[in-house]
Amino acid sequence: MKKRTLQSDLLLLLTALIWGFAFVAQRLGMEHLGPFLFNAIRFALGALTLAHAAILLSLESVFAVIGGWLILAEGLSLRSLFGCALMLLGMIVSQVGVRFRQSRGGAKDLLINQAP
């Protein structure tokens, strides 16, 4: 139990250090860049990180089927392979299709952009 408490305390200390040094990094960054460029770079890095997470989460069902086949030796039927292909196609269309859609404005655009 002591080892687990020590590990938890060290992780909390690491979190506090990262949080504290972030302010120092922001101050140093603001000396070399303007506020708009600095925040644009910050948000771009955050968006890249979240984009990878969104793609992994949207492919969770495909990973479950493939993991069941590899680890649990479950059989892959034609139906499950078709379902995986359909999920992949749906993910690709939802990610790429937004680029080619013409916006007419309104509240529905907010809902469409927020859909996973």
PDB file of N, CA and C in Angstrom:
ATOM      1  N   MET A   1       0.815  -1.196   0.000  1.00  0.00           N
ATOM      2  CA  MET A   1       0.000   0.000   0.000  1.00  0.00           C
ATOM      3  C   MET A   1       0.859   1.262   0.000  1.00  0.00           C
ATOM      4  N   LYS A   2       2.007   1.201   0.676  1.00  0.00           N
ATOM      5  CA  LYS A   2       2.904   2.351   0.728  1.00  0.00           C
ATOM      6  C   LYS A   2       3.436   2.697  -0.661  1.00  0.00           C
ATOM      7  N   LYS A   3       3.755   1.661  -1.451  1.00  0.00           N
ATOM      8  CA  LYS A   3       4.303   1.899  -2.779  1.00  0.00           C
ATOM      9  C   LYS A   3       3.281   2.615  -3.658  1.00  0.00           C
ATOM     10  N   ARG A   4       2.022   2.226  -3.533  1.00  0.00           N
ATOM     11  CA  ARG A   4       0.963   2.858  -4.323  1.00  0.00           C
ATOM     12  C   ARG A   4       0.771   4.318  -3.902  1.00  0.00           C
ATOM     13  N   THR A   5       0.860   4.599  -2.613  1.00  0.00           N
ATOM     14  CA  THR A   5       0.740   5.968  -2.119  1.00  0.00           C
ATOM     15  C   THR A   5       1.905   6.814  -2.609  1.00  0.00           C
ATOM     16  N   LEU A   6       3.103   6.258  -2.597  1.00  0.00           N
ATOM     17  CA  LEU A   6       4.270   6.979  -3.083  1.00  0.00           C
ATOM     18  C   LEU A   6       4.139   7.274  -4.574  1.00  0.00           C
ATOM     19  N   GLN A   7       3.675   6.314  -5.331  1.00  0.00           N
ATOM     20  CA  GLN A   7       3.491   6.518  -6.767  1.00  0.00           C
ATOM     21  C   GLN A   7       2.452   7.612  -7.024  1.00  0.00           C
ATOM     22  N   SER A   8       1.372   7.605  -6.275  1.00  0.00           N
ATOM     23  CA  SER A   8       0.339   8.633  -6.425  1.00  0.00           C
ATOM     24  C   SER A   8       0.884  10.010  -6.076  1.00  0.00           C
ATOM     25  N   ASP A   9       1.656  10.088  -5.007  1.00  0.00           N
ATOM     26  CA  ASP A   9       2.238  11.367  -4.606  1.00  0.00           C
ATOM     27  C   ASP A   9       3.209  11.889  -5.658  1.00  0.00           C
ATOM     28  N   LEU A  10       4.007  10.998  -6.237  1.00  0.00           N
ATOM     29  CA  LEU A  10       4.951  11.424  -7.271  1.00  0.00           C
ATOM     30  C   LEU A  10       4.232  11.902  -8.534  1.00  0.00           C
ATOM     31  N   LEU A  11       3.144  11.238  -8.886  1.00  0.00           N
ATOM     32  CA  LEU A  11       2.377  11.683 -10.050  1.00  0.00           C
ATOM     33  C   LEU A  11       1.722  13.041  -9.798  1.00  0.00           C
ATOM     34  N   LEU A  12       1.237  13.265  -8.590  1.00  0.00           N
ATOM     35  CA  LEU A  12       0.681  14.575  -8.247  1.00  0.00           C
ATOM     36  C   LEU A  12       1.757  15.657  -8.272  1.00  0.00           C
ATOM     37  N   LEU A  13       2.950  15.339  -7.793  1.00  0.00           N
ATOM     38  CA  LEU A  13       4.058  16.285  -7.835  1.00  0.00           C
ATOM     39  C   LEU A  13       4.446  16.604  -9.271  1.00  0.00           C
ATOM     40  N   LEU A  14       4.493  15.594 -10.130  1.00  0.00           N
ATOM     41  CA  LEU A  14       4.804  15.807 -11.538  1.00  0.00           C
ATOM     42  C   LEU A  14       3.756  16.695 -12.204  1.00  0.00           C
ATOM     43  N   THR A  15       2.489  16.472 -11.886  1.00  0.00           N
ATOM     44  CA  THR A  15       1.419  17.303 -12.434  1.00  0.00           C
ATOM     45  C   THR A  15       1.582  18.753 -11.993  1.00  0.00           C
ATOM     46  N   ALA A  16       1.893  18.968 -10.728  1.00  0.00           N
ATOM     47  CA  ALA A  16       2.085  20.325 -10.220  1.00  0.00           C
ATOM     48  C   ALA A  16       3.289  20.994 -10.880  1.00  0.00           C
ATOM     49  N   LEU A  17       4.363  20.237 -11.101  1.00  0.00           N
ATOM     50  CA  LEU A  17       5.539  20.802 -11.765  1.00  0.00           C
ATOM     51  C   LEU A  17       5.238  21.201 -13.206  1.00  0.00           C
ATOM     52  N   ILE A  18       4.548  20.340 -13.925  1.00  0.00           N
ATOM     53  CA  ILE A  18       4.198  20.663 -15.313  1.00  0.00           C
ATOM     54  C   ILE A  18       3.301  21.890 -15.349  1.00  0.00           C
ATOM     55  N   TRP A  19       2.327  21.934 -14.448  1.00  0.00           N
ATOM     56  CA  TRP A  19       1.406  23.065 -14.396  1.00  0.00           C
ATOM     57  C   TRP A  19       2.171  24.359 -14.065  1.00  0.00           C
ATOM     58  N   GLY A  20       3.091  24.283 -13.118  1.00  0.00           N
ATOM     59  CA  GLY A  20       3.852  25.463 -12.723  1.00  0.00           C
ATOM     60  C   GLY A  20       4.802  25.950 -13.800  1.00  0.00           C
ATOM     61  N   PHE A  21       5.484  25.025 -14.476  1.00  0.00           N
ATOM     62  CA  PHE A  21       6.416  25.427 -15.527  1.00  0.00           C
ATOM     63  C   PHE A  21       5.699  25.920 -16.779  1.00  0.00           C
ATOM     64  N   ALA A  22       4.423  25.617 -16.921  1.00  0.00           N
ATOM     65  CA  ALA A  22       3.679  26.094 -18.088  1.00  0.00           C
ATOM     66  C   ALA A  22       3.607  27.618 -18.083  1.00  0.00           C
ATOM     67  N   PHE A  23       3.460  28.220 -16.913  1.00  0.00           N
ATOM     68  CA  PHE A  23       3.397  29.677 -16.836  1.00  0.00           C
ATOM     69  C   PHE A  23       4.740  30.305 -17.205  1.00  0.00           C
ATOM     70  N   VAL A  24       5.822  29.676 -16.796  1.00  0.00           N
ATOM     71  CA  VAL A  24       7.154  30.169 -17.163  1.00  0.00           C
ATOM     72  C   VAL A  24       7.350  30.065 -18.670  1.00  0.00           C
ATOM     73  N   ALA A  25       6.945  28.949 -19.252  1.00  0.00           N
ATOM     74  CA  ALA A  25       7.072  28.770 -20.699  1.00  0.00           C
ATOM     75  C   ALA A  25       6.211  29.778 -21.451  1.00  0.00           C
ATOM     76  N   GLN A  26       5.037  30.078 -20.936  1.00  0.00           N
ATOM     77  CA  GLN A  26       4.182  31.071 -21.589  1.00  0.00           C
ATOM     78  C   GLN A  26       4.811  32.457 -21.536  1.00  0.00           C
ATOM     79  N   ARG A  27       5.386  32.796 -20.419  1.00  0.00           N
ATOM     80  CA  ARG A  27       6.011  34.114 -20.298  1.00  0.00           C
ATOM     81  C   ARG A  27       7.211  34.230 -21.242  1.00  0.00           C
ATOM     82  N   LEU A  28       8.032  33.184 -21.322  1.00  0.00           N
ATOM     83  CA  LEU A  28       9.177  33.209 -22.231  1.00  0.00           C
ATOM     84  C   LEU A  28       8.721  33.219 -23.686  1.00  0.00           C
ATOM     85  N   GLY A  29       7.674  32.486 -23.988  1.00  0.00           N
ATOM     86  CA  GLY A  29       7.157  32.468 -25.349  1.00  0.00           C
ATOM     87  C   GLY A  29       6.594  33.805 -25.770  1.00  0.00           C
ATOM     88  N   MET A  30       5.972  34.512 -24.845  1.00  0.00           N
ATOM     89  CA  MET A  30       5.393  35.814 -25.160  1.00  0.00           C
ATOM     90  C   MET A  30       6.461  36.869 -25.427  1.00  0.00           C
ATOM     91  N   GLU A  31       7.682  36.646 -24.953  1.00  0.00           N
ATOM     92  CA  GLU A  31       8.762  37.593 -25.236  1.00  0.00           C
ATOM     93  C   GLU A  31       9.208  37.511 -26.690  1.00  0.00           C
ATOM     94  N   HIS A  32       9.042  36.353 -27.314  1.00  0.00           N
ATOM     95  CA  HIS A  32       9.529  36.155 -28.676  1.00  0.00           C
ATOM     96  C   HIS A  32       8.418  36.183 -29.718  1.00  0.00           C
ATOM     97  N   LEU A  33       7.198  35.928 -29.317  1.00  0.00           N
ATOM     98  CA  LEU A  33       6.067  35.887 -30.243  1.00  0.00           C
ATOM     99  C   LEU A  33       4.969  36.810 -29.740  1.00  0.00           C
ATOM    100  N   GLY A  34       4.137  37.244 -30.650  1.00  0.00           N
ATOM    101  CA  GLY A  34       2.974  38.019 -30.248  1.00  0.00           C
ATOM    102  C   GLY A  34       1.929  37.121 -29.617  1.00  0.00           C
ATOM    103  N   PRO A  35       0.956  37.712 -28.944  1.00  0.00           N
ATOM    104  CA  PRO A  35      -0.045  36.893 -28.257  1.00  0.00           C
ATOM    105  C   PRO A  35      -0.903  36.063 -29.211  1.00  0.00           C
ATOM    106  N   PHE A  36      -1.229  36.609 -30.382  1.00  0.00           N
ATOM    107  CA  PHE A  36      -2.073  35.863 -31.309  1.00  0.00           C
ATOM    108  C   PHE A  36      -1.333  34.673 -31.908  1.00  0.00           C
ATOM    109  N   LEU A  37      -0.077  34.868 -32.315  1.00  0.00           N
ATOM    110  CA  LEU A  37       0.696  33.767 -32.881  1.00  0.00           C
ATOM    111  C   LEU A  37       0.991  32.706 -31.822  1.00  0.00           C
ATOM    112  N   PHE A  38       1.304  33.150 -30.616  1.00  0.00           N
ATOM    113  CA  PHE A  38       1.590  32.206 -29.540  1.00  0.00           C
ATOM    114  C   PHE A  38       0.373  31.332 -29.248  1.00  0.00           C
ATOM    115  N   ASN A  39      -0.797  31.950 -29.138  1.00  0.00           N
ATOM    116  CA  ASN A  39      -2.007  31.170 -28.868  1.00  0.00           C
ATOM    117  C   ASN A  39      -2.414  30.330 -30.064  1.00  0.00           C
ATOM    118  N   ALA A  40      -2.150  30.806 -31.280  1.00  0.00           N
ATOM    119  CA  ALA A  40      -2.454  29.996 -32.464  1.00  0.00           C
ATOM    120  C   ALA A  40      -1.617  28.722 -32.467  1.00  0.00           C
ATOM    121  N   ILE A  41      -0.352  28.836 -32.121  1.00  0.00           N
ATOM    122  CA  ILE A  41       0.517  27.654 -32.057  1.00  0.00           C
ATOM    123  C   ILE A  41       0.056  26.722 -30.936  1.00  0.00           C
ATOM    124  N   ARG A  42      -0.307  27.298 -29.792  1.00  0.00           N
ATOM    125  CA  ARG A  42      -0.808  26.494 -28.669  1.00  0.00           C
ATOM    126  C   ARG A  42      -2.047  25.700 -29.042  1.00  0.00           C
ATOM    127  N   PHE A  43      -2.999  26.377 -29.674  1.00  0.00           N
ATOM    128  CA  PHE A  43      -4.244  25.703 -30.037  1.00  0.00           C
ATOM    129  C   PHE A  43      -4.035  24.709 -31.169  1.00  0.00           C
ATOM    130  N   ALA A  44      -3.107  24.992 -32.081  1.00  0.00           N
ATOM    131  CA  ALA A  44      -2.821  24.038 -33.158  1.00  0.00           C
ATOM    132  C   ALA A  44      -2.223  22.751 -32.592  1.00  0.00           C
ATOM    133  N   LEU A  45      -1.316  22.869 -31.631  1.00  0.00           N
ATOM    134  CA  LEU A  45      -0.751  21.672 -31.004  1.00  0.00           C
ATOM    135  C   LEU A  45      -1.819  20.885 -30.247  1.00  0.00           C
ATOM    136  N   GLY A  46      -2.709  21.587 -29.576  1.00  0.00           N
ATOM    137  CA  GLY A  46      -3.807  20.909 -28.888  1.00  0.00           C
ATOM    138  C   GLY A  46      -4.748  20.214 -29.859  1.00  0.00           C
ATOM    139  N   ALA A  47      -5.033  20.861 -30.993  1.00  0.00           N
ATOM    140  CA  ALA A  47      -5.923  20.261 -31.992  1.00  0.00           C
ATOM    141  C   ALA A  47      -5.302  19.014 -32.600  1.00  0.00           C
ATOM    142  N   LEU A  48      -3.992  19.038 -32.835  1.00  0.00           N
ATOM    143  CA  LEU A  48      -3.333  17.847 -33.373  1.00  0.00           C
ATOM    144  C   LEU A  48      -3.427  16.679 -32.400  1.00  0.00           C
ATOM    145  N   THR A  49      -3.257  16.967 -31.134  1.00  0.00           N
ATOM    146  CA  THR A  49      -3.359  15.917 -30.124  1.00  0.00           C
ATOM    147  C   THR A  49      -4.776  15.357 -30.055  1.00  0.00           C
ATOM    148  N   LEU A  50      -5.762  16.234 -30.067  1.00  0.00           N
ATOM    149  CA  LEU A  50      -7.152  15.785 -29.978  1.00  0.00           C
ATOM    150  C   LEU A  50      -7.611  15.085 -31.246  1.00  0.00           C
ATOM    151  N   ALA A  51      -7.052  15.459 -32.399  1.00  0.00           N
ATOM    152  CA  ALA A  51      -7.439  14.799 -33.648  1.00  0.00           C
ATOM    153  C   ALA A  51      -7.037  13.326 -33.619  1.00  0.00           C
ATOM    154  N   HIS A  52      -5.864  13.042 -33.100  1.00  0.00           N
ATOM    155  CA  HIS A  52      -5.442  11.645 -32.992  1.00  0.00           C
ATOM    156  C   HIS A  52      -6.362  10.870 -32.046  1.00  0.00           C
ATOM    157  N   ALA A  53      -6.721  11.484 -30.949  1.00  0.00           N
ATOM    158  CA  ALA A  53      -7.622  10.816 -30.003  1.00  0.00           C
ATOM    159  C   ALA A  53      -8.996  10.586 -30.623  1.00  0.00           C
ATOM    160  N   ALA A  54      -9.488  11.539 -31.403  1.00  0.00           N
ATOM    161  CA  ALA A  54     -10.805  11.385 -32.032  1.00  0.00           C
ATOM    162  C   ALA A  54     -10.805  10.246 -33.041  1.00  0.00           C
ATOM    163  N   ILE A  55      -9.730  10.129 -33.798  1.00  0.00           N
ATOM    164  CA  ILE A  55      -9.649   9.043 -34.781  1.00  0.00           C
ATOM    165  C   ILE A  55      -9.588   7.691 -34.075  1.00  0.00           C
ATOM    166  N   LEU A  56      -8.801   7.601 -33.014  1.00  0.00           N
ATOM    167  CA  LEU A  56      -8.725   6.337 -32.274  1.00  0.00           C
ATOM    168  C   LEU A  56     -10.064   5.965 -31.650  1.00  0.00           C
ATOM    169  N   LEU A  57     -10.773   6.944 -31.113  1.00  0.00           N
ATOM    170  CA  LEU A  57     -12.070   6.648 -30.498  1.00  0.00           C
ATOM    171  C   LEU A  57     -13.114   6.255 -31.533  1.00  0.00           C
ATOM    172  N   SER A  58     -13.047   6.845 -32.727  1.00  0.00           N
ATOM    173  CA  SER A  58     -14.032   6.477 -33.745  1.00  0.00           C
ATOM    174  C   SER A  58     -13.758   5.090 -34.313  1.00  0.00           C
ATOM    175  N   LEU A  59     -12.545   4.594 -34.168  1.00  0.00           N
ATOM    176  CA  LEU A  59     -12.204   3.260 -34.660  1.00  0.00           C
ATOM    177  C   LEU A  59     -12.240   2.197 -33.561  1.00  0.00           C
ATOM    178  N   GLU A  60     -12.825   2.535 -32.432  1.00  0.00           N
ATOM    179  CA  GLU A  60     -12.850   1.606 -31.297  1.00  0.00           C
ATOM    180  C   GLU A  60     -13.553   0.293 -31.637  1.00  0.00           C
ATOM    181  N   SER A  61     -14.639   0.348 -32.374  1.00  0.00           N
ATOM    182  CA  SER A  61     -15.369  -0.875 -32.729  1.00  0.00           C
ATOM    183  C   SER A  61     -14.551  -1.766 -33.652  1.00  0.00           C
ATOM    184  N   VAL A  62     -13.821  -1.147 -34.576  1.00  0.00           N
ATOM    185  CA  VAL A  62     -12.974  -1.925 -35.484  1.00  0.00           C
ATOM    186  C   VAL A  62     -11.867  -2.614 -34.694  1.00  0.00           C
ATOM    187  N   PHE A  63     -11.264  -1.885 -33.743  1.00  0.00           N
ATOM    188  CA  PHE A  63     -10.223  -2.482 -32.916  1.00  0.00           C
ATOM    189  C   PHE A  63     -10.776  -3.621 -32.068  1.00  0.00           C
ATOM    190  N   ALA A  64     -12.028  -3.516 -31.623  1.00  0.00           N
ATOM    191  CA  ALA A  64     -12.634  -4.578 -30.817  1.00  0.00           C
ATOM    192  C   ALA A  64     -12.789  -5.853 -31.634  1.00  0.00           C
ATOM    193  N   VAL A  65     -13.206  -5.725 -32.886  1.00  0.00           N
ATOM    194  CA  VAL A  65     -13.370  -6.909 -33.739  1.00  0.00           C
ATOM    195  C   VAL A  65     -12.017  -7.546 -34.036  1.00  0.00           C
ATOM    196  N   ILE A  66     -11.036  -6.721 -34.395  1.00  0.00           N
ATOM    197  CA  ILE A  66      -9.706  -7.249 -34.721  1.00  0.00           C
ATOM    198  C   ILE A  66      -9.036  -7.822 -33.473  1.00  0.00           C
ATOM    199  N   GLY A  67      -9.205  -7.150 -32.319  1.00  0.00           N
ATOM    200  CA  GLY A  67      -8.646  -7.666 -31.072  1.00  0.00           C
ATOM    201  C   GLY A  67      -9.274  -8.982 -30.659  1.00  0.00           C
ATOM    202  N   GLY A  68     -10.578  -9.121 -30.855  1.00  0.00           N
ATOM    203  CA  GLY A  68     -11.238 -10.391 -30.560  1.00  0.00           C
ATOM    204  C   GLY A  68     -10.726 -11.512 -31.437  1.00  0.00           C
ATOM    205  N   TRP A  69     -10.428 -11.188 -32.678  1.00  0.00           N
ATOM    206  CA  TRP A  69      -9.892 -12.196 -33.606  1.00  0.00           C
ATOM    207  C   TRP A  69      -8.469 -12.589 -33.218  1.00  0.00           C
ATOM    208  N   LEU A  70      -7.628 -11.590 -32.882  1.00  0.00           N
ATOM    209  CA  LEU A  70      -6.226 -11.875 -32.557  1.00  0.00           C
ATOM    210  C   LEU A  70      -6.050 -12.489 -31.168  1.00  0.00           C
ATOM    211  N   ILE A  71      -6.700 -11.922 -30.172  1.00  0.00           N
ATOM    212  CA  ILE A  71      -6.446 -12.324 -28.792  1.00  0.00           C
ATOM    213  C   ILE A  71      -7.347 -13.470 -28.349  1.00  0.00           C
ATOM    214  N   LEU A  72      -8.626 -13.373 -28.657  1.00  0.00           N
ATOM    215  CA  LEU A  72      -9.587 -14.369 -28.177  1.00  0.00           C
ATOM    216  C   LEU A  72      -9.858 -15.477 -29.182  1.00  0.00           C
ATOM    217  N   ALA A  73      -9.219 -15.406 -30.335  1.00  0.00           N
ATOM    218  CA  ALA A  73      -9.373 -16.397 -31.406  1.00  0.00           C
ATOM    219  C   ALA A  73     -10.831 -16.538 -31.852  1.00  0.00           C
ATOM    220  N   GLU A  74     -11.547 -15.411 -31.866  1.00  0.00           N
ATOM    221  CA  GLU A  74     -12.916 -15.417 -32.370  1.00  0.00           C
ATOM    222  C   GLU A  74     -12.885 -15.454 -33.892  1.00  0.00           C
ATOM    223  N   GLY A  75     -13.883 -16.043 -34.460  1.00  0.00           N
ATOM    224  CA  GLY A  75     -13.945 -16.124 -35.912  1.00  0.00           C
ATOM    225  C   GLY A  75     -14.396 -14.811 -36.532  1.00  0.00           C
ATOM    226  N   LEU A  76     -13.858 -14.517 -37.696  1.00  0.00           N
ATOM    227  CA  LEU A  76     -14.268 -13.331 -38.447  1.00  0.00           C
ATOM    228  C   LEU A  76     -15.208 -13.774 -39.557  1.00  0.00           C
ATOM    229  N   SER A  77     -16.434 -13.372 -39.456  1.00  0.00           N
ATOM    230  CA  SER A  77     -17.382 -13.721 -40.507  1.00  0.00           C
ATOM    231  C   SER A  77     -17.368 -12.633 -41.577  1.00  0.00           C
ATOM    232  N   LEU A  78     -17.983 -12.935 -42.678  1.00  0.00           N
ATOM    233  CA  LEU A  78     -18.092 -11.953 -43.754  1.00  0.00           C
ATOM    234  C   LEU A  78     -18.894 -10.745 -43.281  1.00  0.00           C
ATOM    235  N   ARG A  79     -19.864 -10.997 -42.428  1.00  0.00           N
ATOM    236  CA  ARG A  79     -20.693  -9.917 -41.897  1.00  0.00           C
ATOM    237  C   ARG A  79     -19.876  -8.967 -41.022  1.00  0.00           C
ATOM    238  N   SER A  80     -19.001  -9.500 -40.166  1.00  0.00           N
ATOM    239  CA  SER A  80     -18.191  -8.635 -39.307  1.00  0.00           C
ATOM    240  C   SER A  80     -17.151  -7.868 -40.115  1.00  0.00           C
ATOM    241  N   LEU A  81     -16.574  -8.490 -41.132  1.00  0.00           N
ATOM    242  CA  LEU A  81     -15.631  -7.774 -42.000  1.00  0.00           C
ATOM    243  C   LEU A  81     -16.335  -6.656 -42.764  1.00  0.00           C
ATOM    244  N   PHE A  82     -17.548  -6.922 -43.233  1.00  0.00           N
ATOM    245  CA  PHE A  82     -18.319  -5.893 -43.926  1.00  0.00           C
ATOM    246  C   PHE A  82     -18.646  -4.745 -42.971  1.00  0.00           C
ATOM    247  N   GLY A  83     -18.972  -5.077 -41.723  1.00  0.00           N
ATOM    248  CA  GLY A  83     -19.250  -4.045 -40.725  1.00  0.00           C
ATOM    249  C   GLY A  83     -18.028  -3.186 -40.436  1.00  0.00           C
ATOM    250  N   CYS A  84     -16.851  -3.818 -40.345  1.00  0.00           N
ATOM    251  CA  CYS A  84     -15.612  -3.061 -40.130  1.00  0.00           C
ATOM    252  C   CYS A  84     -15.332  -2.132 -41.303  1.00  0.00           C
ATOM    253  N   ALA A  85     -15.503  -2.644 -42.512  1.00  0.00           N
ATOM    254  CA  ALA A  85     -15.280  -1.817 -43.699  1.00  0.00           C
ATOM    255  C   ALA A  85     -16.269  -0.661 -43.738  1.00  0.00           C
ATOM    256  N   LEU A  86     -17.505  -0.912 -43.352  1.00  0.00           N
ATOM    257  CA  LEU A  86     -18.522   0.136 -43.339  1.00  0.00           C
ATOM    258  C   LEU A  86     -18.203   1.198 -42.287  1.00  0.00           C
ATOM    259  N   MET A  87     -17.705   0.775 -41.117  1.00  0.00           N
ATOM    260  CA  MET A  87     -17.318   1.738 -40.084  1.00  0.00           C
ATOM    261  C   MET A  87     -16.133   2.586 -40.540  1.00  0.00           C
ATOM    262  N   LEU A  88     -15.145   1.953 -41.178  1.00  0.00           N
ATOM    263  CA  LEU A  88     -14.005   2.713 -41.693  1.00  0.00           C
ATOM    264  C   LEU A  88     -14.445   3.720 -42.740  1.00  0.00           C
ATOM    265  N   LEU A  89     -15.314   3.292 -43.647  1.00  0.00           N
ATOM    266  CA  LEU A  89     -15.809   4.191 -44.683  1.00  0.00           C
ATOM    267  C   LEU A  89     -16.594   5.348 -44.066  1.00  0.00           C
ATOM    268  N   GLY A  90     -17.417   5.058 -43.073  1.00  0.00           N
ATOM    269  CA  GLY A  90     -18.169   6.114 -42.402  1.00  0.00           C
ATOM    270  C   GLY A  90     -17.268   7.110 -41.707  1.00  0.00           C
ATOM    271  N   MET A  91     -16.199   6.623 -41.067  1.00  0.00           N
ATOM    272  CA  MET A  91     -15.261   7.520 -40.407  1.00  0.00           C
ATOM    273  C   MET A  91     -14.551   8.403 -41.421  1.00  0.00           C
ATOM    274  N   ILE A  92     -14.150   7.821 -42.546  1.00  0.00           N
ATOM    275  CA  ILE A  92     -13.464   8.600 -43.579  1.00  0.00           C
ATOM    276  C   ILE A  92     -14.394   9.655 -44.161  1.00  0.00           C
ATOM    277  N   VAL A  93     -15.634   9.276 -44.448  1.00  0.00           N
ATOM    278  CA  VAL A  93     -16.589  10.230 -45.018  1.00  0.00           C
ATOM    279  C   VAL A  93     -16.886  11.353 -44.032  1.00  0.00           C
ATOM    280  N   SER A  94     -17.024  11.022 -42.752  1.00  0.00           N
ATOM    281  CA  SER A  94     -17.330  12.069 -41.774  1.00  0.00           C
ATOM    282  C   SER A  94     -16.156  13.019 -41.567  1.00  0.00           C
ATOM    283  N   GLN A  95     -14.924  12.526 -41.701  1.00  0.00           N
ATOM    284  CA  GLN A  95     -13.767  13.391 -41.504  1.00  0.00           C
ATOM    285  C   GLN A  95     -13.430  14.203 -42.748  1.00  0.00           C
ATOM    286  N   VAL A  96     -13.546  13.591 -43.912  1.00  0.00           N
ATOM    287  CA  VAL A  96     -13.164  14.265 -45.155  1.00  0.00           C
ATOM    288  C   VAL A  96     -14.341  15.032 -45.740  1.00  0.00           C
ATOM    289  N   GLY A  97     -15.557  14.537 -45.546  1.00  0.00           N
ATOM    290  CA  GLY A  97     -16.724  15.137 -46.170  1.00  0.00           C
ATOM    291  C   GLY A  97     -17.033  16.540 -45.693  1.00  0.00           C
ATOM    292  N   VAL A  98     -16.584  16.915 -44.498  1.00  0.00           N
ATOM    293  CA  VAL A  98     -16.851  18.252 -43.983  1.00  0.00           C
ATOM    294  C   VAL A  98     -16.170  19.304 -44.845  1.00  0.00           C
ATOM    295  N   ARG A  99     -15.054  18.975 -45.433  1.00  0.00           N
ATOM    296  CA  ARG A  99     -14.331  19.916 -46.281  1.00  0.00           C
ATOM    297  C   ARG A  99     -15.121  20.327 -47.516  1.00  0.00           C
ATOM    298  N   PHE A 100     -15.881  19.412 -48.059  1.00  0.00           N
ATOM    299  CA  PHE A 100     -16.544  19.654 -49.329  1.00  0.00           C
ATOM    300  C   PHE A 100     -17.998  20.099 -49.164  1.00  0.00           C
ATOM    301  N   ARG A 101     -18.448  20.260 -47.939  1.00  0.00           N
ATOM    302  CA  ARG A 101     -19.828  20.667 -47.685  1.00  0.00           C
ATOM    303  C   ARG A 101     -19.929  22.185 -47.690  1.00  0.00           C
ATOM    304  N   GLN A 102     -20.952  22.708 -48.334  1.00  0.00           N
ATOM    305  CA  GLN A 102     -21.166  24.145 -48.352  1.00  0.00           C
ATOM    306  C   GLN A 102     -22.037  24.530 -47.168  1.00  0.00           C
ATOM    307  N   SER A 103     -21.584  25.516 -46.438  1.00  0.00           N
ATOM    308  CA  SER A 103     -22.312  25.957 -45.262  1.00  0.00           C
ATOM    309  C   SER A 103     -23.336  27.014 -45.647  1.00  0.00           C
ATOM    310  N   ARG A 104     -24.539  26.864 -45.108  1.00  0.00           N
ATOM    311  CA  ARG A 104     -25.582  27.863 -45.328  1.00  0.00           C
ATOM    312  C   ARG A 104     -25.843  28.665 -44.062  1.00  0.00           C
ATOM    313  N   GLY A 105     -25.080  28.402 -43.050  1.00  0.00           N
ATOM    314  CA  GLY A 105     -25.242  29.128 -41.798  1.00  0.00           C
ATOM    315  C   GLY A 105     -26.352  28.548 -40.949  1.00  0.00           C
ATOM    316  N   GLY A 106     -26.491  29.071 -39.772  1.00  0.00           N
ATOM    317  CA  GLY A 106     -27.567  28.630 -38.896  1.00  0.00           C
ATOM    318  C   GLY A 106     -27.084  27.698 -37.802  1.00  0.00           C
ATOM    319  N   ALA A 107     -28.010  27.334 -36.929  1.00  0.00           N
ATOM    320  CA  ALA A 107     -27.679  26.500 -35.772  1.00  0.00           C
ATOM    321  C   ALA A 107     -27.357  25.070 -36.166  1.00  0.00           C
ATOM    322  N   LYS A 108     -27.896  24.595 -37.294  1.00  0.00           N
ATOM    323  CA  LYS A 108     -27.635  23.199 -37.673  1.00  0.00           C
ATOM    324  C   LYS A 108     -26.165  22.973 -37.999  1.00  0.00           C
ATOM    325  N   ASP A 109     -25.459  24.009 -38.472  1.00  0.00           N
ATOM    326  CA  ASP A 109     -24.032  23.858 -38.744  1.00  0.00           C
ATOM    327  C   ASP A 109     -23.251  23.594 -37.464  1.00  0.00           C
ATOM    328  N   LEU A 110     -23.683  24.194 -36.360  1.00  0.00           N
ATOM    329  CA  LEU A 110     -23.025  23.923 -35.085  1.00  0.00           C
ATOM    330  C   LEU A 110     -23.216  22.472 -34.684  1.00  0.00           C
ATOM    331  N   LEU A 111     -24.400  21.935 -34.902  1.00  0.00           N
ATOM    332  CA  LEU A 111     -24.663  20.542 -34.547  1.00  0.00           C
ATOM    333  C   LEU A 111     -23.889  19.588 -35.438  1.00  0.00           C
ATOM    334  N   ILE A 112     -23.799  19.893 -36.725  1.00  0.00           N
ATOM    335  CA  ILE A 112     -23.082  19.019 -37.653  1.00  0.00           C
ATOM    336  C   ILE A 112     -21.596  19.008 -37.325  1.00  0.00           C
ATOM    337  N   ASN A 113     -21.040  20.165 -36.998  1.00  0.00           N
ATOM    338  CA  ASN A 113     -19.614  20.228 -36.685  1.00  0.00           C
ATOM    339  C   ASN A 113     -19.286  19.552 -35.365  1.00  0.00           C
ATOM    340  N   GLN A 114     -20.249  19.441 -34.459  1.00  0.00           N
ATOM    341  CA  GLN A 114     -19.997  18.823 -33.165  1.00  0.00           C
ATOM    342  C   GLN A 114     -20.259  17.329 -33.160  1.00  0.00           C
ATOM    343  N   ALA A 115     -20.843  16.808 -34.223  1.00  0.00           N
ATOM    344  CA  ALA A 115     -21.135  15.374 -34.270  1.00  0.00           C
ATOM    345  C   ALA A 115     -19.842  14.592 -34.421  1.00  0.00           C
ATOM    346  N   PRO A 116     -19.697  13.477 -33.706  1.00  0.00           N
ATOM    347  CA  PRO A 116     -18.455  12.694 -33.807  1.00  0.00           C
ATOM    348  C   PRO A 116     -18.342  11.974 -35.122  1.00  0.00           C
TER     349      PRO A 116
END
